[in-house]
Protein backbone atom coordinates (compact mmCIF):
# COMPACT_ATOMS: atom_id res chain seq x y z
CA MET A 1 87.94 88.18 97.38
CA SER A 2 87.62 87.35 93.27
CA SER A 3 88.74 83.77 92.08
CA PRO A 4 91.85 83.38 89.96
CA PRO A 5 91.56 82.40 86.58
CA MET A 6 91.83 78.99 87.43
CA PHE A 7 88.54 78.91 89.22
CA GLY A 8 86.76 81.86 86.85
CA ASN A 9 84.06 81.58 84.41
CA GLU A 10 86.60 81.03 81.11
CA ALA A 11 87.70 77.76 80.14
CA GLY A 12 91.49 77.53 80.33
CA PRO A 13 94.30 75.05 80.09
CA TYR A 14 93.39 72.73 83.06
CA LEU A 15 92.83 69.19 83.65
CA PHE A 16 90.56 68.20 86.85
CA HIS A 17 89.91 65.10 88.78
CA TYR A 18 86.99 64.41 91.03
CA THR A 19 87.57 62.27 94.00
CA THR A 20 86.46 61.36 97.87
CA LEU A 21 87.45 63.46 100.40
CA ALA A 22 89.20 60.24 102.46
CA ALA A 23 91.41 59.52 99.56
CA ALA A 24 92.48 63.24 98.90
CA LEU A 25 93.14 63.71 102.70
CA GLU A 26 94.75 60.27 103.22
CA HIS A 27 96.46 59.50 100.25
CA ILE A 28 97.01 62.62 97.60
CA LEU A 29 97.83 65.55 99.27
CA PRO A 30 99.79 64.13 101.85
CA THR A 31 102.20 62.81 98.89
CA LEU A 32 101.33 64.85 96.12
CA SER A 33 100.73 61.62 94.08
CA PHE A 34 98.03 59.47 91.96
CA ARG A 35 97.38 56.21 91.55
CA LEU A 36 96.60 54.59 88.32
CA SER A 37 94.23 51.84 88.39
CA PRO A 38 94.07 49.17 85.77
CA PHE A 39 91.73 49.57 82.66
CA SER A 40 89.29 46.41 83.46
CA GLN A 41 88.33 48.60 86.43
CA MET A 42 86.59 50.92 84.54
CA ARG A 43 83.12 51.61 84.64
CA ASP A 44 82.03 51.78 80.99
CA PRO A 45 81.17 48.77 80.00
CA ARG A 46 82.18 48.91 76.34
CA GLU A 47 86.05 48.87 78.00
CA SER A 48 85.51 46.39 81.31
CA HIS A 49 83.36 43.41 79.76
CA ALA A 50 84.29 41.40 77.22
CA TRP A 51 85.82 41.47 74.20
CA TRP A 52 85.03 38.66 71.57
CA ALA A 53 87.04 37.85 68.82
CA SER A 54 86.20 37.33 65.44
CA ALA A 55 88.50 34.86 62.85
CA ARG A 56 88.81 33.70 59.57
CA LYS A 57 91.26 31.14 57.74
CA SER A 58 93.52 32.23 54.79
CA GLY A 59 94.63 28.82 54.58
CA PRO A 60 93.93 24.82 55.05
CA ASP A 61 91.63 23.57 57.99
CA LEU A 62 93.49 23.04 61.33
CA PRO A 63 93.24 20.48 63.41
CA ASN A 64 92.98 23.03 66.72
CA GLU A 65 90.97 25.82 65.63
CA ASP A 66 88.61 26.15 68.67
CA GLU A 67 91.68 26.19 70.61
CA LEU A 68 93.23 29.09 69.02
CA PHE A 69 89.67 31.13 68.79
CA PHE A 70 89.10 30.47 72.62
CA GLY A 71 92.96 31.28 73.08
CA PHE A 72 92.96 34.27 71.29
CA THR A 73 90.22 35.91 73.36
CA GLN A 74 91.36 34.84 76.36
CA HIS A 75 94.48 36.47 75.98
CA LEU A 76 93.31 39.53 74.63
CA MET A 77 91.16 39.59 77.43
CA SER A 78 94.06 39.01 79.95
CA GLN A 79 95.72 42.20 78.91
CA LYS A 80 93.51 44.73 80.07
CA PRO A 81 94.52 44.91 83.23
CA PHE A 82 98.51 45.39 81.89
CA PHE A 83 96.93 48.79 80.87
CA LYS A 84 96.65 51.45 83.38
CA VAL A 85 94.68 54.72 83.09
CA MET A 86 94.40 58.23 84.94
CA SER A 87 90.78 59.74 84.08
CA LEU A 88 90.78 63.41 84.52
CA THR A 89 87.98 65.61 83.11
CA ARG A 90 88.47 69.02 81.34
CA ASP A 91 86.65 72.23 80.51
CA ASP A 92 83.62 72.31 77.83
CA LYS A 93 85.86 73.72 74.31
CA ARG A 94 81.85 74.83 73.21
CA PRO A 95 80.91 76.34 76.50
CA PRO A 96 77.33 77.05 77.17
CA PRO A 97 76.08 81.11 77.20
CA ASN A 98 77.36 81.12 81.12
CA GLU A 99 80.46 80.08 80.89
CA ILE A 100 80.52 78.80 84.43
CA PHE A 101 78.59 75.88 83.55
CA GLY A 102 81.32 74.56 81.18
CA ARG A 103 84.15 74.45 83.64
CA GLY A 104 85.65 71.40 84.79
CA PHE A 105 84.90 71.80 88.53
CA ALA A 106 81.43 72.77 87.99
CA ARG A 107 79.99 69.60 86.67
CA PRO A 108 77.13 68.31 89.49
CA ARG A 109 76.78 64.79 88.18
CA LEU A 110 80.59 64.12 88.61
CA TRP A 111 80.50 65.99 91.77
CA GLU A 112 77.48 63.36 92.97
CA GLN A 113 79.37 60.49 91.08
CA TYR A 114 82.78 60.15 91.80
CA GLY A 115 82.92 63.23 94.35
CA GLY A 116 81.65 61.91 97.51
CA ASP A 117 78.05 63.28 96.74
CA HIS A 118 79.17 66.56 96.88
CA ARG A 119 81.69 65.83 99.83
CA GLY A 120 84.74 65.52 98.19
CA VAL A 121 87.26 67.21 96.30
CA CYS A 122 88.31 68.44 92.77
CA LEU A 123 91.81 68.35 91.79
CA CYS A 124 92.61 71.04 89.81
CA PHE A 125 95.87 70.54 87.27
CA ASP A 126 97.83 72.80 84.86
CA ARG A 127 97.15 70.78 82.10
CA ASP A 128 101.02 71.56 80.33
CA ALA A 129 102.98 70.79 83.08
CA LEU A 130 101.06 67.64 84.04
CA ILE A 131 101.74 66.39 80.53
CA GLN A 132 105.25 67.64 80.51
CA HIS A 133 105.94 66.03 84.14
CA LEU A 134 103.87 62.56 83.54
CA GLU A 135 105.20 62.05 79.95
CA PRO A 136 108.63 61.02 80.74
CA GLU A 137 107.68 59.28 84.21
CA LEU A 138 104.85 56.91 82.32
CA GLN A 139 107.27 56.43 79.45
CA ARG A 140 109.74 54.81 81.16
CA LEU A 141 106.79 51.98 82.50
CA GLY A 142 105.77 51.17 78.87
CA GLU A 143 103.80 52.69 75.60
CA LEU A 144 102.04 55.72 76.93
CA ARG A 145 99.18 57.41 75.10
CA HIS A 146 97.07 60.47 76.08
CA GLY A 147 94.27 62.71 74.78
CA ASP A 148 90.72 63.54 74.77
CA VAL A 149 87.99 60.72 74.69
CA VAL A 150 86.07 60.11 71.62
CA TYR A 151 82.33 59.48 72.40
CA GLU A 152 79.92 57.17 69.95
CA ASP A 153 77.15 54.88 70.49
CA GLU A 154 78.89 51.97 68.34
CA PRO A 155 80.25 48.98 69.16
CA ILE A 156 83.89 48.15 68.72
CA ALA A 157 84.64 48.28 65.58
CA SER A 158 84.35 45.16 63.51
CA HIS A 159 87.78 44.74 62.01
CA VAL A 160 89.42 45.66 65.85
CA LEU A 161 88.77 42.39 67.29
CA TYR A 162 89.91 40.63 64.13
CA PHE A 163 92.44 37.75 63.42
CA ASP A 164 93.70 34.77 61.38
CA MET A 165 93.69 31.43 62.52
CA ASN A 166 96.53 30.16 60.13
CA ASP A 167 98.71 33.34 60.81
CA ALA A 168 97.92 32.54 64.99
CA ALA A 169 99.31 28.86 64.41
CA GLU A 170 102.05 30.21 62.49
CA ARG A 171 103.19 33.35 64.50
CA GLY A 172 101.52 32.60 67.34
CA ILE A 173 98.34 33.84 70.10
CA ALA A 174 100.59 36.64 71.84
CA THR A 175 102.36 38.02 68.94
CA LEU A 176 99.13 38.93 66.90
CA VAL A 177 97.04 40.14 70.43
CA ASP A 178 99.99 42.25 70.94
CA GLU A 179 100.01 44.18 67.13
CA LEU A 180 96.02 44.55 67.81
CA LEU A 181 96.68 46.65 71.13
CA LYS A 182 99.19 48.39 69.52
CA THR A 183 97.83 48.97 66.15
CA HIS A 184 94.05 50.18 67.61
CA VAL A 185 95.52 51.95 70.81
CA ASP A 186 92.11 54.70 70.27
CA GLU A 187 89.43 52.28 68.97
CA LEU A 188 89.91 50.33 72.47
CA PHE A 189 90.79 52.85 74.87
CA PHE A 190 90.33 56.23 73.99
CA LYS A 191 86.40 55.56 72.64
CA LYS A 192 83.39 55.37 75.28
CA LEU A 193 79.50 54.99 74.90
CA CYS A 194 77.53 58.72 74.51
CA ASP A 195 76.42 58.22 78.23
CA TRP A 196 79.60 59.59 79.57
CA ALA A 197 79.68 62.41 77.17
CA THR A 198 79.20 65.16 79.50
CA GLU A 199 82.18 63.87 81.58
CA TYR A 200 84.72 65.30 78.83
CA GLU A 201 87.55 63.16 79.74
CA TYR A 202 90.98 63.50 79.08
CA ARG A 203 92.92 60.31 79.83
CA PHE A 204 96.57 58.82 80.03
CA VAL A 205 97.00 55.51 79.32
CA VAL A 206 99.96 53.43 80.08
CA ARG A 207 100.79 49.83 79.07
CA THR A 208 103.02 48.42 82.00
CA ASN A 209 104.06 44.83 82.67
CA SER A 210 102.15 43.99 85.94
CA HIS A 211 98.49 44.06 87.23
CA ASP A 212 99.08 46.09 90.05
CA PRO A 213 98.26 49.79 89.98
CA ILE A 214 100.83 52.23 90.00
CA VAL A 215 101.53 55.67 91.57
CA VAL A 216 102.77 58.73 90.22
CA SER A 217 103.77 62.29 91.49
CA ILE A 218 101.51 64.91 90.20
CA ALA A 219 103.60 67.81 93.04
CA PRO A 220 104.66 69.80 89.45
CA ALA A 221 101.06 70.31 87.91
CA ILE A 222 98.42 70.41 90.86
CA ARG A 223 97.43 74.51 91.27
CA GLY A 224 94.38 73.91 93.41
CA ILE A 225 91.54 72.30 95.03
CA VAL A 226 88.11 72.67 94.89
CA LEU A 227 86.14 71.71 98.16
CA GLY A 228 82.46 70.06 97.78
CA GLU A 229 79.78 72.23 99.22
CA LEU A 230 78.99 69.64 101.54
CA VAL A 231 81.96 69.30 103.11
CA SER A 232 82.15 69.99 106.75
CA ARG A 233 84.39 73.33 107.90
CA SER A 234 85.70 70.92 110.75
CA TYR A 235 88.00 69.63 107.49
CA PHE A 236 89.57 72.70 106.53
CA PRO A 237 92.18 73.01 109.03
CA ALA A 238 93.27 69.49 107.67
CA VAL A 239 93.09 70.68 104.13
CA ARG A 240 94.77 73.71 104.95
CA ALA A 241 97.35 72.33 106.37
CA LEU A 242 98.05 69.80 103.37
CA CYS A 243 97.82 72.41 100.71
CA ASP A 244 99.48 75.88 102.04
CA PRO A 245 102.98 74.93 102.45
CA HIS A 246 102.96 73.80 98.62
CA GLY A 247 100.86 77.01 97.24
CA ILE A 248 98.12 75.26 96.26
CA LEU A 249 94.73 77.15 96.05
CA ILE A 250 91.61 76.19 97.68
CA THR A 251 88.06 77.13 96.90
CA GLN A 252 84.76 75.70 98.15
CA LEU A 253 81.85 75.18 95.23
CA ARG A 254 78.46 76.85 96.71
CA TRP A 255 75.49 76.50 94.67
CA VAL A 256 73.20 79.42 94.67
CA ASN A 257 69.87 79.68 92.58
CA GLY A 258 71.33 76.47 90.24
CA GLN A 259 74.57 78.39 89.88
CA PRO A 260 77.96 76.86 90.72
CA ILE A 261 80.16 79.56 92.42
CA PRO A 262 83.86 78.85 93.77
CA ILE A 263 84.39 80.66 96.85
CA PRO A 264 88.30 80.92 98.05
CA LEU A 265 88.53 79.42 101.71
CA LEU A 266 89.49 82.10 103.87
CA GLU A 267 91.28 82.05 107.23
């Protein structure tokens, strides 16, 4: 049986997410929902570790300069958990000669790191349907941005984490931090170090008013799943029971002579 286009060799309008088998069977597929986690829990230290501000003075000396400086940095760091992230991967826009290696579901490192060491699941989404569905749902929660992540081995630009002490004393730390976060969304939330470049990440970032994770529906956009090669056949009935009623296509990835081959799950 040949694979549908979503599982074929050629790149397409799809997004993917690797997860463990337990997460897929116990949470995601039964409810057709997805949890967005706080930005402070991201793996890249450029994102999750400390942001230290720099300061200048545009006016006279202030009696509380140390308080302003450390207060600004602390308030800036305190905002990270309010930003929730949905991380996905896309097909390589410049695939190698053998195009299957450019597909979003055929990334061995992602299978090892996020997909339960090849015992997990890769969720497959229609990109346009996911965006169309999530935009209004997430915009109701707060400011939303989504798009490709940019990879570069550079620190956060020096002008980004920079503030004026006299301005902070006059208008307040919270106001300045809020303006910084709104102005520099791309630099702070859509750049990662090059070590992560092969993830080809596409992400949604929404600013909420709570530290708690948020859950969104993915029912209108999920089209299929790919099981890792080491997922036992004993799980197949449970996978079918969750996917078949919703028309979610199921394949299992096999590695033959070093090449990933998605095999449709047969009866």
